[in-house]
Amino acid sequence: MLHVEIITPDRTVFEGDIDSISLPTPDGEITILPHHIPLISIVMPGTLTVRRGEQEQFFAISRGVIEVDGRTIRILADTADRAEELEEAAIEKAKAEAEKLMTEKRHDTEGFAEATAVLERELARLRVIRRHRTHRGHPQPGET
């Protein structure tokens, strides 16, 4: 067993004992199992999957850092949302607003970078909500 803490500036999103965790890093997705070597890495926006027994929980995670010491995993991220908490319509709206802002701010380096970060976060949220829906056996919109 591993003890994991997923922490954002607002709250502790998840804390508990797990069998494994998978998350995106700059070098690709990694999976951490018990007795993993010590590690500190950057976390990229995407899907974080926590496994315990036959259960999987999905989270949309933004940029952050992970620290592994062999028994404990600490993930500090700007945002982390459980798949069950996400609303697709609100995410689609935020995604569209970020895309519009990117177009408006294309000559403003700071504004463009901010809009890009927002878009990355919303795309990660969309992937998580769709993966969660598929995982639970619900078809994607447009699928038969």
C-alpha atoms as a PDB file:
ATOM      1  CA  MET A   1       0.000   0.000   0.000  1.00  0.00           C
ATOM      2  CA  LEU A   2       0.958   3.580  -0.665  1.00  0.00           C
ATOM      3  CA  HIS A   3      -0.351   6.624   1.149  1.00  0.00           C
ATOM      4  CA  VAL A   4      -1.254   9.446  -1.223  1.00  0.00           C
ATOM      5  CA  GLU A   5      -2.170  13.089  -0.700  1.00  0.00           C
ATOM      6  CA  ILE A   6      -3.464  15.241  -3.571  1.00  0.00           C
ATOM      7  CA  ILE A   7      -3.355  18.856  -2.425  1.00  0.00           C
ATOM      8  CA  THR A   8      -4.360  22.126  -4.096  1.00  0.00           C
ATOM      9  CA  PRO A   9      -4.156  25.645  -2.646  1.00  0.00           C
ATOM     10  CA  ASP A  10      -7.873  25.361  -1.796  1.00  0.00           C
ATOM     11  CA  ARG A  11      -8.153  21.895  -0.271  1.00  0.00           C
ATOM     12  CA  THR A  12      -6.936  18.355   0.101  1.00  0.00           C
ATOM     13  CA  VAL A  13      -8.710  16.682  -2.820  1.00  0.00           C
ATOM     14  CA  PHE A  14      -7.805  13.110  -1.863  1.00  0.00           C
ATOM     15  CA  GLU A  15      -5.976  11.391   0.957  1.00  0.00           C
ATOM     16  CA  GLY A  16      -5.804   7.668   1.533  1.00  0.00           C
ATOM     17  CA  ASP A  17      -4.093   4.339   1.012  1.00  0.00           C
ATOM     18  CA  ILE A  18      -3.923   3.035  -2.558  1.00  0.00           C
ATOM     19  CA  ASP A  19      -2.343   0.271  -4.644  1.00  0.00           C
ATOM     20  CA  SER A  20      -1.059   2.494  -7.469  1.00  0.00           C
ATOM     21  CA  ILE A  21      -1.347   5.898  -9.092  1.00  0.00           C
ATOM     22  CA  SER A  22      -0.803   6.989 -12.707  1.00  0.00           C
ATOM     23  CA  LEU A  23      -0.265  10.579 -13.796  1.00  0.00           C
ATOM     24  CA  PRO A  24       1.183  12.680 -16.625  1.00  0.00           C
ATOM     25  CA  THR A  25       4.747  14.049 -16.449  1.00  0.00           C
ATOM     26  CA  PRO A  26       6.878  15.860 -19.050  1.00  0.00           C
ATOM     27  CA  ASP A  27       8.361  12.458 -20.021  1.00  0.00           C
ATOM     28  CA  GLY A  28       4.961  10.760 -20.384  1.00  0.00           C
ATOM     29  CA  GLU A  29       2.561   8.968 -18.072  1.00  0.00           C
ATOM     30  CA  ILE A  30       4.104   7.202 -15.088  1.00  0.00           C
ATOM     31  CA  THR A  31       2.633   4.659 -12.696  1.00  0.00           C
ATOM     32  CA  ILE A  32       3.849   4.486  -9.125  1.00  0.00           C
ATOM     33  CA  LEU A  33       3.609   1.228  -7.178  1.00  0.00           C
ATOM     34  CA  PRO A  34       4.617   0.415  -3.585  1.00  0.00           C
ATOM     35  CA  HIS A  35       8.380   0.628  -2.900  1.00  0.00           C
ATOM     36  CA  HIS A  36       8.942   3.023  -5.824  1.00  0.00           C
ATOM     37  CA  ILE A  37      12.311   4.737  -5.768  1.00  0.00           C
ATOM     38  CA  PRO A  38      12.308   8.285  -4.367  1.00  0.00           C
ATOM     39  CA  LEU A  39      11.218  10.753  -7.026  1.00  0.00           C
ATOM     40  CA  ILE A  40      10.412  14.405  -7.504  1.00  0.00           C
ATOM     41  CA  SER A  41       8.870  15.396 -10.831  1.00  0.00           C
ATOM     42  CA  ILE A  42       6.705  17.951 -12.547  1.00  0.00           C
ATOM     43  CA  VAL A  43       3.065  16.969 -13.100  1.00  0.00           C
ATOM     44  CA  MET A  44       1.532  17.993 -16.421  1.00  0.00           C
ATOM     45  CA  PRO A  45      -2.150  18.757 -17.035  1.00  0.00           C
ATOM     46  CA  GLY A  46      -4.093  15.575 -17.685  1.00  0.00           C
ATOM     47  CA  THR A  47      -5.684  12.537 -16.097  1.00  0.00           C
ATOM     48  CA  LEU A  48      -4.566  11.197 -12.735  1.00  0.00           C
ATOM     49  CA  THR A  49      -5.804   7.675 -11.928  1.00  0.00           C
ATOM     50  CA  VAL A  50      -5.858   6.258  -8.397  1.00  0.00           C
ATOM     51  CA  ARG A  51      -6.296   2.487  -8.021  1.00  0.00           C
ATOM     52  CA  ARG A  52      -7.244   0.481  -4.953  1.00  0.00           C
ATOM     53  CA  GLY A  53      -8.267  -3.114  -5.498  1.00  0.00           C
ATOM     54  CA  GLU A  54     -10.681  -3.207  -8.418  1.00  0.00           C
ATOM     55  CA  GLN A  55     -11.671   0.461  -8.007  1.00  0.00           C
ATOM     56  CA  GLU A  56     -10.327   3.328 -10.082  1.00  0.00           C
ATOM     57  CA  GLN A  57     -10.874   7.019  -9.404  1.00  0.00           C
ATOM     58  CA  PHE A  58     -10.128   9.638 -12.049  1.00  0.00           C
ATOM     59  CA  PHE A  59      -9.016  13.219 -11.431  1.00  0.00           C
ATOM     60  CA  ALA A  60      -8.356  16.112 -13.807  1.00  0.00           C
ATOM     61  CA  ILE A  61      -5.078  17.610 -12.675  1.00  0.00           C
ATOM     62  CA  SER A  62      -3.308  20.777 -13.726  1.00  0.00           C
ATOM     63  CA  ARG A  63       0.372  21.602 -13.422  1.00  0.00           C
ATOM     64  CA  GLY A  64       2.095  20.719 -10.202  1.00  0.00           C
ATOM     65  CA  VAL A  65       4.777  18.589  -8.577  1.00  0.00           C
ATOM     66  CA  ILE A  66       4.937  15.068  -7.192  1.00  0.00           C
ATOM     67  CA  GLU A  67       7.157  13.780  -4.412  1.00  0.00           C
ATOM     68  CA  VAL A  68       7.551  10.038  -3.802  1.00  0.00           C
ATOM     69  CA  ASP A  69       9.529   8.657  -0.868  1.00  0.00           C
ATOM     70  CA  GLY A  70       8.696   4.963  -1.277  1.00  0.00           C
ATOM     71  CA  ARG A  71       5.691   4.866   1.068  1.00  0.00           C
ATOM     72  CA  THR A  72       4.081   8.283   0.661  1.00  0.00           C
ATOM     73  CA  ILE A  73       3.143  10.254  -2.441  1.00  0.00           C
ATOM     74  CA  ARG A  74       2.434  13.973  -2.234  1.00  0.00           C
ATOM     75  CA  ILE A  75       1.016  15.771  -5.230  1.00  0.00           C
ATOM     76  CA  LEU A  76       0.781  19.547  -5.080  1.00  0.00           C
ATOM     77  CA  ALA A  77      -1.200  20.955  -7.993  1.00  0.00           C
ATOM     78  CA  ASP A  78      -2.820  24.233  -8.967  1.00  0.00           C
ATOM     79  CA  THR A  79      -6.117  22.369  -9.446  1.00  0.00           C
ATOM     80  CA  ALA A  80      -7.367  18.801  -9.137  1.00  0.00           C
ATOM     81  CA  ASP A  81     -10.969  17.761  -9.666  1.00  0.00           C
ATOM     82  CA  ARG A  82     -12.675  14.393  -9.181  1.00  0.00           C
ATOM     83  CA  ALA A  83     -14.350  13.187 -12.372  1.00  0.00           C
ATOM     84  CA  GLU A  84     -17.706  13.037 -10.550  1.00  0.00           C
ATOM     85  CA  GLU A  85     -17.474  16.754  -9.716  1.00  0.00           C
ATOM     86  CA  LEU A  86     -17.019  17.887 -13.318  1.00  0.00           C
ATOM     87  CA  GLU A  87     -19.814  19.240 -15.503  1.00  0.00           C
ATOM     88  CA  GLU A  88     -19.188  18.857 -19.221  1.00  0.00           C
ATOM     89  CA  ALA A  89     -21.301  21.843 -20.306  1.00  0.00           C
ATOM     90  CA  ALA A  90     -19.426  24.216 -17.983  1.00  0.00           C
ATOM     91  CA  ILE A  91     -16.091  22.824 -19.167  1.00  0.00           C
ATOM     92  CA  GLU A  92     -17.036  23.241 -22.838  1.00  0.00           C
ATOM     93  CA  LYS A  93     -18.012  26.858 -22.130  1.00  0.00           C
ATOM     94  CA  ALA A  94     -14.723  27.581 -20.303  1.00  0.00           C
ATOM     95  CA  LYS A  95     -12.782  25.898 -23.132  1.00  0.00           C
ATOM     96  CA  ALA A  96     -14.487  28.099 -25.732  1.00  0.00           C
ATOM     97  CA  GLU A  97     -13.758  31.211 -23.664  1.00  0.00           C
ATOM     98  CA  ALA A  98     -10.079  30.222 -23.343  1.00  0.00           C
ATOM     99  CA  GLU A  99      -9.822  29.643 -27.105  1.00  0.00           C
ATOM    100  CA  LYS A 100     -11.387  33.068 -27.740  1.00  0.00           C
ATOM    101  CA  LEU A 101      -9.006  34.692 -25.241  1.00  0.00           C
ATOM    102  CA  MET A 102      -6.016  33.019 -26.934  1.00  0.00           C
ATOM    103  CA  THR A 103      -7.064  34.607 -30.231  1.00  0.00           C
ATOM    104  CA  GLU A 104      -7.539  38.023 -28.618  1.00  0.00           C
ATOM    105  CA  LYS A 105      -4.236  37.851 -26.700  1.00  0.00           C
ATOM    106  CA  ARG A 106      -2.045  36.370 -29.449  1.00  0.00           C
ATOM    107  CA  HIS A 107       0.193  39.487 -29.365  1.00  0.00           C
ATOM    108  CA  ASP A 108       0.214  39.732 -25.547  1.00  0.00           C
ATOM    109  CA  THR A 109       2.734  37.148 -24.322  1.00  0.00           C
ATOM    110  CA  GLU A 110       1.531  37.080 -20.711  1.00  0.00           C
ATOM    111  CA  GLY A 111      -2.164  37.042 -21.634  1.00  0.00           C
ATOM    112  CA  PHE A 112      -1.581  34.330 -24.238  1.00  0.00           C
ATOM    113  CA  ALA A 113       0.304  32.166 -21.725  1.00  0.00           C
ATOM    114  CA  GLU A 114      -2.530  32.536 -19.206  1.00  0.00           C
ATOM    115  CA  ALA A 115      -5.138  31.617 -21.810  1.00  0.00           C
ATOM    116  CA  THR A 116      -3.037  28.608 -22.862  1.00  0.00           C
ATOM    117  CA  ALA A 117      -2.845  27.387 -19.253  1.00  0.00           C
ATOM    118  CA  VAL A 118      -6.626  27.718 -18.880  1.00  0.00           C
ATOM    119  CA  LEU A 119      -7.173  25.847 -22.142  1.00  0.00           C
ATOM    120  CA  GLU A 120      -4.817  23.029 -21.028  1.00  0.00           C
ATOM    121  CA  ARG A 121      -6.741  22.706 -17.760  1.00  0.00           C
ATOM    122  CA  GLU A 122     -10.131  22.589 -19.500  1.00  0.00           C
ATOM    123  CA  LEU A 123      -8.931  20.033 -22.065  1.00  0.00           C
ATOM    124  CA  ALA A 124      -7.633  17.852 -19.219  1.00  0.00           C
ATOM    125  CA  ARG A 125     -11.012  18.121 -17.501  1.00  0.00           C
ATOM    126  CA  LEU A 126     -12.809  17.121 -20.703  1.00  0.00           C
ATOM    127  CA  ARG A 127     -10.566  14.061 -21.122  1.00  0.00           C
ATOM    128  CA  VAL A 128     -11.236  13.002 -17.534  1.00  0.00           C
ATOM    129  CA  ILE A 129     -14.996  13.383 -17.710  1.00  0.00           C
ATOM    130  CA  ARG A 130     -15.121  11.479 -20.999  1.00  0.00           C
ATOM    131  CA  ARG A 131     -12.805   8.730 -19.717  1.00  0.00           C
ATOM    132  CA  HIS A 132     -14.899   8.424 -16.550  1.00  0.00           C
ATOM    133  CA  ARG A 133     -18.088   8.175 -18.617  1.00  0.00           C
ATOM    134  CA  THR A 134     -16.555   5.499 -20.877  1.00  0.00           C
ATOM    135  CA  HIS A 135     -15.127   3.639 -17.872  1.00  0.00           C
ATOM    136  CA  ARG A 136     -18.583   3.490 -16.314  1.00  0.00           C
ATOM    137  CA  GLY A 137     -20.028   2.109 -19.562  1.00  0.00           C
ATOM    138  CA  HIS A 138     -21.744   5.243 -20.808  1.00  0.00           C
ATOM    139  CA  PRO A 139     -21.246   6.002 -24.521  1.00  0.00           C
ATOM    140  CA  GLN A 140     -19.617   9.186 -25.727  1.00  0.00           C
ATOM    141  CA  PRO A 141     -21.906  11.754 -27.384  1.00  0.00           C
ATOM    142  CA  GLY A 142     -22.393  10.709 -31.000  1.00  0.00           C
ATOM    143  CA  GLU A 143     -21.601   7.036 -30.303  1.00  0.00           C
ATOM    144  CA  THR A 144     -24.204   4.369 -30.821  1.00  0.00           C
END
